[in-house]
Amino acid sequence: MTWNPLLTDLSIVVIAAILILVLSPGVAVAGMIALLVLLAWAVTLILDSRRRRDESRRPGRPIPSPRRGPQDRRPSAGR
């Protein structure tokens, strides 16, 4: 059986949500905590997408073209 890392993350989130709702003084406080978590997630998402976009624009090493074997060459017109 393979273990899905997403299942681990989901279980941590469910446990954290239950603890926050039980231990916080009210639902409003739990809602504010949820908004802070969503804000942190949005900032992380924006920064990550900008970093990926900048890496794709940056010129890197050229990708070598695949080498052709003798069977891939076209016959010459003069030969």
Protein backbone atom coordinates (compact mmCIF):
# COMPACT_ATOMS: atom_id res chain seq x y z
CA MET A 1 0.00 0.00 0.00
CA THR A 2 1.38 3.42 -0.92
CA TRP A 3 0.94 6.30 1.49
CA ASN A 4 -0.40 9.50 0.01
CA PRO A 5 1.29 12.59 1.50
CA LEU A 6 -1.89 14.53 0.82
CA LEU A 7 -3.70 12.30 3.30
CA THR A 8 -1.16 13.23 5.97
CA ASP A 9 -1.67 16.94 5.28
CA LEU A 10 -5.44 16.54 5.34
CA SER A 11 -5.36 14.75 8.69
CA ILE A 12 -3.15 17.47 10.20
CA VAL A 13 -5.54 20.15 8.96
CA VAL A 14 -8.59 18.36 10.34
CA ILE A 15 -6.96 17.91 13.75
CA ALA A 16 -5.81 21.55 13.81
CA ALA A 17 -9.30 22.78 12.84
CA ILE A 18 -10.93 20.73 15.59
CA LEU A 19 -8.41 21.99 18.17
CA ILE A 20 -8.90 25.61 17.12
CA LEU A 21 -12.69 25.36 17.29
CA VAL A 22 -12.61 23.65 20.69
CA LEU A 23 -9.89 25.74 22.36
CA SER A 24 -10.64 29.21 20.99
CA PRO A 25 -12.96 31.48 22.98
CA GLY A 26 -15.43 31.80 20.12
CA VAL A 27 -16.18 31.12 16.51
CA ALA A 28 -15.17 34.68 15.61
CA VAL A 29 -11.65 34.07 16.88
CA ALA A 30 -11.49 30.81 14.93
CA GLY A 31 -12.65 32.69 11.84
CA MET A 32 -9.91 35.30 12.29
CA ILE A 33 -7.32 32.54 12.61
CA ALA A 34 -8.70 30.96 9.43
CA LEU A 35 -8.45 34.29 7.60
CA LEU A 36 -4.83 34.70 8.71
CA VAL A 37 -4.02 31.19 7.48
CA LEU A 38 -5.70 31.89 4.12
CA LEU A 39 -3.81 35.18 3.82
CA ALA A 40 -0.48 33.44 4.49
CA TRP A 41 -1.37 30.77 1.91
CA ALA A 42 -2.25 33.43 -0.70
CA VAL A 43 1.04 35.28 -0.14
CA THR A 44 2.96 32.02 -0.48
CA LEU A 45 1.09 31.16 -3.67
CA ILE A 46 1.79 34.57 -5.22
CA LEU A 47 5.48 34.49 -4.34
CA ASP A 48 5.85 30.94 -5.67
CA SER A 49 4.13 31.77 -8.96
CA ARG A 50 6.34 34.85 -9.43
CA ARG A 51 9.46 32.80 -8.75
CA ARG A 52 8.42 30.17 -11.29
CA ARG A 53 7.59 32.84 -13.86
CA ASP A 54 10.99 34.51 -13.38
CA GLU A 55 12.78 31.16 -13.72
CA SER A 56 10.98 30.43 -16.99
CA ARG A 57 11.99 33.82 -18.42
CA ARG A 58 15.62 33.44 -17.39
CA PRO A 59 17.72 32.05 -20.22
CA GLY A 60 19.27 28.78 -19.20
CA ARG A 61 21.41 26.22 -20.88
CA PRO A 62 20.24 25.38 -24.37
CA ILE A 63 18.62 22.00 -24.69
CA PRO A 64 20.74 19.80 -26.97
CA SER A 65 18.99 18.57 -30.07
CA PRO A 66 18.60 14.82 -30.43
CA ARG A 67 21.31 13.21 -32.51
CA ARG A 68 20.26 11.66 -35.76
CA GLY A 69 21.38 8.21 -36.70
CA PRO A 70 22.14 7.04 -40.25
CA GLN A 71 18.58 5.77 -40.69
CA ASP A 72 17.15 9.23 -39.87
CA ARG A 73 19.07 11.10 -42.55
CA ARG A 74 17.33 12.02 -45.74
CA PRO A 75 18.94 10.79 -48.94
CA SER A 76 20.89 13.45 -50.80
CA ALA A 77 19.58 14.52 -54.20
CA GLY A 78 22.98 14.12 -55.90
CA ARG A 79 23.76 10.67 -54.52
